[in-house]
Amino acid sequence: MLTFDIVIILRKPNATEFQQIVFFIEEFQLDNRDLLEHQFTAAFIEDNLVGFGRVREHTDCSEICSLGTLVEFRKRVVCKMIVQNLIKINPTNLFLVCIIPDYFKPFGFEIVNEYPDAIQDKKKYCTHELVVPEDYFVLKKTANA
């Protein structure tokens, strides 16, 4: 049996790659507000974009958002690597709003009921603009994880 190693490279996107990310954010119906190229970490296999995510800085906290993986690379290690990298870049006062909280718990996130105004705004945006049948949860990265 033959096995092949796939090398996933994480790095900042260039301008052309950032435009691809913007396209996929629209296609996946993710948070497209205030997109800035420098916020993103992107995952590449053989120079092909396979996933992305960003840390958005607010005055009162930081937020992981606009996290996406191309369909054929979901349920693989790509998203995990991106999340780990985003946490490494900004390990404190880190929040996210999502519909799959159990995915983020192994990274040290916990569901919280109290959170900064920027995250309240994000949850409102998700509930009203990114409508899905599932409930949205706010999670915060715990300091000890």
C-alpha atoms as a PDB file:
ATOM      1  CA  MET A   1       0.000   0.000   0.000  1.00  0.00           C
ATOM      2  CA  LEU A   2       1.333   3.426  -0.942  1.00  0.00           C
ATOM      3  CA  THR A   3       0.973   6.362   1.394  1.00  0.00           C
ATOM      4  CA  PHE A   4       1.684   9.960   0.615  1.00  0.00           C
ATOM      5  CA  ASP A   5       2.539  12.724   3.032  1.00  0.00           C
ATOM      6  CA  ILE A   6       0.653  15.929   2.456  1.00  0.00           C
ATOM      7  CA  VAL A   7       2.454  19.063   3.544  1.00  0.00           C
ATOM      8  CA  ILE A   8       0.217  21.849   4.798  1.00  0.00           C
ATOM      9  CA  ILE A   9       1.845  25.276   4.925  1.00  0.00           C
ATOM     10  CA  LEU A  10       0.397  28.025   7.118  1.00  0.00           C
ATOM     11  CA  ARG A  11       1.262  31.616   6.237  1.00  0.00           C
ATOM     12  CA  LYS A  12      -0.119  35.059   5.581  1.00  0.00           C
ATOM     13  CA  PRO A  13      -1.863  35.303   2.196  1.00  0.00           C
ATOM     14  CA  ASN A  14      -0.641  37.588  -0.553  1.00  0.00           C
ATOM     15  CA  ALA A  15      -3.030  40.018  -2.281  1.00  0.00           C
ATOM     16  CA  THR A  16      -4.211  37.500  -4.890  1.00  0.00           C
ATOM     17  CA  GLU A  17      -4.719  34.777  -2.279  1.00  0.00           C
ATOM     18  CA  PHE A  18      -6.581  37.252  -0.084  1.00  0.00           C
ATOM     19  CA  GLN A  19      -9.035  37.843  -2.935  1.00  0.00           C
ATOM     20  CA  GLN A  20      -9.607  34.062  -3.069  1.00  0.00           C
ATOM     21  CA  ILE A  21     -10.296  34.112   0.669  1.00  0.00           C
ATOM     22  CA  VAL A  22     -12.794  36.957   0.244  1.00  0.00           C
ATOM     23  CA  PHE A  23     -14.541  34.902  -2.461  1.00  0.00           C
ATOM     24  CA  PHE A  24     -14.788  31.842  -0.191  1.00  0.00           C
ATOM     25  CA  ILE A  25     -15.980  33.932   2.761  1.00  0.00           C
ATOM     26  CA  GLU A  26     -18.888  35.091   0.600  1.00  0.00           C
ATOM     27  CA  GLU A  27     -19.514  31.584  -0.729  1.00  0.00           C
ATOM     28  CA  PHE A  28     -19.477  30.025   2.767  1.00  0.00           C
ATOM     29  CA  GLN A  29     -21.574  32.931   4.152  1.00  0.00           C
ATOM     30  CA  LEU A  30     -19.026  33.807   6.833  1.00  0.00           C
ATOM     31  CA  ASP A  31     -18.416  37.138   8.560  1.00  0.00           C
ATOM     32  CA  ASN A  32     -17.280  39.463   5.774  1.00  0.00           C
ATOM     33  CA  ARG A  33     -17.108  42.646   7.819  1.00  0.00           C
ATOM     34  CA  ASP A  34     -13.896  44.667   7.996  1.00  0.00           C
ATOM     35  CA  LEU A  35     -11.743  42.126   6.150  1.00  0.00           C
ATOM     36  CA  LEU A  36      -8.055  43.013   6.230  1.00  0.00           C
ATOM     37  CA  GLU A  37      -5.372  40.900   4.607  1.00  0.00           C
ATOM     38  CA  HIS A  38      -2.997  41.025   7.591  1.00  0.00           C
ATOM     39  CA  GLN A  39      -5.632  39.476   9.905  1.00  0.00           C
ATOM     40  CA  PHE A  40      -5.553  36.129   8.122  1.00  0.00           C
ATOM     41  CA  THR A  41      -3.658  32.907   8.403  1.00  0.00           C
ATOM     42  CA  ALA A  42      -4.136  30.721   5.336  1.00  0.00           C
ATOM     43  CA  ALA A  43      -3.429  27.034   4.767  1.00  0.00           C
ATOM     44  CA  PHE A  44      -1.913  25.841   1.506  1.00  0.00           C
ATOM     45  CA  ILE A  45      -1.186  22.472  -0.048  1.00  0.00           C
ATOM     46  CA  GLU A  46       1.179  22.760  -3.011  1.00  0.00           C
ATOM     47  CA  ASP A  47       0.463  26.515  -3.223  1.00  0.00           C
ATOM     48  CA  ASN A  48      -3.290  25.870  -3.388  1.00  0.00           C
ATOM     49  CA  LEU A  49      -5.464  27.579  -0.801  1.00  0.00           C
ATOM     50  CA  VAL A  50      -7.304  24.977   1.310  1.00  0.00           C
ATOM     51  CA  GLY A  51      -8.365  26.951   4.387  1.00  0.00           C
ATOM     52  CA  PHE A  52      -8.205  30.250   6.253  1.00  0.00           C
ATOM     53  CA  GLY A  53      -9.115  32.067   9.439  1.00  0.00           C
ATOM     54  CA  ARG A  54      -8.481  35.399  11.073  1.00  0.00           C
ATOM     55  CA  VAL A  55      -8.047  37.114  14.379  1.00  0.00           C
ATOM     56  CA  ARG A  56     -10.048  40.297  14.381  1.00  0.00           C
ATOM     57  CA  GLU A  57      -8.894  42.870  16.927  1.00  0.00           C
ATOM     58  CA  HIS A  58     -11.521  44.830  18.820  1.00  0.00           C
ATOM     59  CA  THR A  59     -10.924  47.510  21.443  1.00  0.00           C
ATOM     60  CA  ASP A  60     -12.079  45.183  24.209  1.00  0.00           C
ATOM     61  CA  CYS A  61     -10.972  41.728  22.984  1.00  0.00           C
ATOM     62  CA  SER A  62      -9.757  39.623  20.068  1.00  0.00           C
ATOM     63  CA  GLU A  63     -11.939  37.294  18.040  1.00  0.00           C
ATOM     64  CA  ILE A  64     -11.337  34.244  15.888  1.00  0.00           C
ATOM     65  CA  CYS A  65     -13.694  34.497  12.938  1.00  0.00           C
ATOM     66  CA  SER A  66     -14.164  33.951   9.208  1.00  0.00           C
ATOM     67  CA  LEU A  67     -12.801  30.431   9.636  1.00  0.00           C
ATOM     68  CA  GLY A  68     -13.267  28.201   6.602  1.00  0.00           C
ATOM     69  CA  THR A  69     -11.929  25.119   4.896  1.00  0.00           C
ATOM     70  CA  LEU A  70     -12.606  24.087   1.319  1.00  0.00           C
ATOM     71  CA  VAL A  71     -15.174  21.281   1.257  1.00  0.00           C
ATOM     72  CA  GLU A  72     -12.785  18.539   0.131  1.00  0.00           C
ATOM     73  CA  PHE A  73     -10.447  19.304   3.065  1.00  0.00           C
ATOM     74  CA  ARG A  74     -13.039  19.369   5.842  1.00  0.00           C
ATOM     75  CA  LYS A  75     -12.780  16.761   8.576  1.00  0.00           C
ATOM     76  CA  ARG A  76      -9.019  16.747   8.145  1.00  0.00           C
ATOM     77  CA  VAL A  77      -6.298  18.452  10.109  1.00  0.00           C
ATOM     78  CA  VAL A  78      -6.434  21.751   8.145  1.00  0.00           C
ATOM     79  CA  CYS A  79      -8.900  23.609  10.377  1.00  0.00           C
ATOM     80  CA  LYS A  80      -7.224  22.319  13.528  1.00  0.00           C
ATOM     81  CA  MET A  81      -3.879  23.672  12.355  1.00  0.00           C
ATOM     82  CA  ILE A  82      -5.380  27.067  11.531  1.00  0.00           C
ATOM     83  CA  VAL A  83      -7.086  27.368  14.923  1.00  0.00           C
ATOM     84  CA  GLN A  84      -3.891  26.370  16.757  1.00  0.00           C
ATOM     85  CA  ASN A  85      -1.955  28.985  14.800  1.00  0.00           C
ATOM     86  CA  LEU A  86      -4.507  31.722  15.487  1.00  0.00           C
ATOM     87  CA  ILE A  87      -4.376  30.913  19.209  1.00  0.00           C
ATOM     88  CA  LYS A  88      -0.585  31.032  19.124  1.00  0.00           C
ATOM     89  CA  ILE A  89      -0.681  34.462  17.464  1.00  0.00           C
ATOM     90  CA  ASN A  90      -3.123  35.867  20.022  1.00  0.00           C
ATOM     91  CA  PRO A  91      -3.401  33.693  23.141  1.00  0.00           C
ATOM     92  CA  THR A  92      -5.199  36.071  25.525  1.00  0.00           C
ATOM     93  CA  ASN A  93      -8.694  37.543  25.741  1.00  0.00           C
ATOM     94  CA  LEU A  94      -9.736  35.487  22.715  1.00  0.00           C
ATOM     95  CA  PHE A  95     -13.407  34.899  21.854  1.00  0.00           C
ATOM     96  CA  LEU A  96     -15.395  33.295  19.059  1.00  0.00           C
ATOM     97  CA  VAL A  97     -19.028  32.949  18.077  1.00  0.00           C
ATOM     98  CA  CYS A  98     -20.015  29.637  16.499  1.00  0.00           C
ATOM     99  CA  ILE A  99     -22.632  26.927  16.067  1.00  0.00           C
ATOM    100  CA  ILE A 100     -20.272  24.030  16.877  1.00  0.00           C
ATOM    101  CA  PRO A 101     -18.875  24.738  20.356  1.00  0.00           C
ATOM    102  CA  ASP A 102     -17.757  21.154  20.952  1.00  0.00           C
ATOM    103  CA  TYR A 103     -15.226  21.466  18.127  1.00  0.00           C
ATOM    104  CA  PHE A 104     -13.445  24.299  19.955  1.00  0.00           C
ATOM    105  CA  LYS A 105     -13.478  22.871  23.500  1.00  0.00           C
ATOM    106  CA  PRO A 106     -10.274  20.800  22.972  1.00  0.00           C
ATOM    107  CA  PHE A 107      -8.488  24.068  22.134  1.00  0.00           C
ATOM    108  CA  GLY A 108      -9.366  25.451  25.569  1.00  0.00           C
ATOM    109  CA  PHE A 109     -12.539  27.356  24.711  1.00  0.00           C
ATOM    110  CA  GLU A 110     -15.540  27.348  27.025  1.00  0.00           C
ATOM    111  CA  ILE A 111     -19.071  28.629  26.505  1.00  0.00           C
ATOM    112  CA  VAL A 112     -19.583  31.924  28.329  1.00  0.00           C
ATOM    113  CA  ASN A 113     -22.633  34.050  29.039  1.00  0.00           C
ATOM    114  CA  GLU A 114     -20.786  37.298  29.716  1.00  0.00           C
ATOM    115  CA  TYR A 115     -18.621  38.859  27.037  1.00  0.00           C
ATOM    116  CA  PRO A 116     -17.420  42.208  25.671  1.00  0.00           C
ATOM    117  CA  ASP A 117     -19.609  44.545  23.648  1.00  0.00           C
ATOM    118  CA  ALA A 118     -17.813  43.660  20.399  1.00  0.00           C
ATOM    119  CA  ILE A 119     -18.740  40.012  20.833  1.00  0.00           C
ATOM    120  CA  GLN A 120     -22.325  40.949  21.719  1.00  0.00           C
ATOM    121  CA  ASP A 121     -22.387  42.826  18.408  1.00  0.00           C
ATOM    122  CA  LYS A 122     -20.945  39.770  16.636  1.00  0.00           C
ATOM    123  CA  LYS A 123     -23.566  37.432  18.095  1.00  0.00           C
ATOM    124  CA  LYS A 124     -26.315  39.852  17.059  1.00  0.00           C
ATOM    125  CA  TYR A 125     -24.827  40.029  13.548  1.00  0.00           C
ATOM    126  CA  CYS A 126     -24.692  36.226  13.297  1.00  0.00           C
ATOM    127  CA  THR A 127     -28.225  35.797  14.577  1.00  0.00           C
ATOM    128  CA  HIS A 128     -29.674  38.360  12.187  1.00  0.00           C
ATOM    129  CA  GLU A 129     -27.402  38.200   9.124  1.00  0.00           C
ATOM    130  CA  LEU A 130     -25.896  34.695   9.076  1.00  0.00           C
ATOM    131  CA  VAL A 131     -29.084  32.860   9.878  1.00  0.00           C
ATOM    132  CA  VAL A 132     -28.721  29.101  10.307  1.00  0.00           C
ATOM    133  CA  PRO A 133     -31.035  26.577  11.988  1.00  0.00           C
ATOM    134  CA  GLU A 134     -28.541  25.960  14.826  1.00  0.00           C
ATOM    135  CA  ASP A 135     -28.028  28.186  17.868  1.00  0.00           C
ATOM    136  CA  TYR A 136     -25.005  30.453  18.135  1.00  0.00           C
ATOM    137  CA  PHE A 137     -22.726  30.205  21.176  1.00  0.00           C
ATOM    138  CA  VAL A 138     -20.072  32.558  22.502  1.00  0.00           C
ATOM    139  CA  LEU A 139     -16.845  30.898  23.592  1.00  0.00           C
ATOM    140  CA  LYS A 140     -13.792  32.260  25.361  1.00  0.00           C
ATOM    141  CA  LYS A 141     -10.316  30.793  25.462  1.00  0.00           C
ATOM    142  CA  THR A 142      -9.507  29.919  29.032  1.00  0.00           C
ATOM    143  CA  ALA A 143      -6.141  30.988  30.372  1.00  0.00           C
ATOM    144  CA  ASN A 144      -5.095  27.533  31.616  1.00  0.00           C
ATOM    145  CA  ALA A 145      -5.736  25.610  28.415  1.00  0.00           C
END
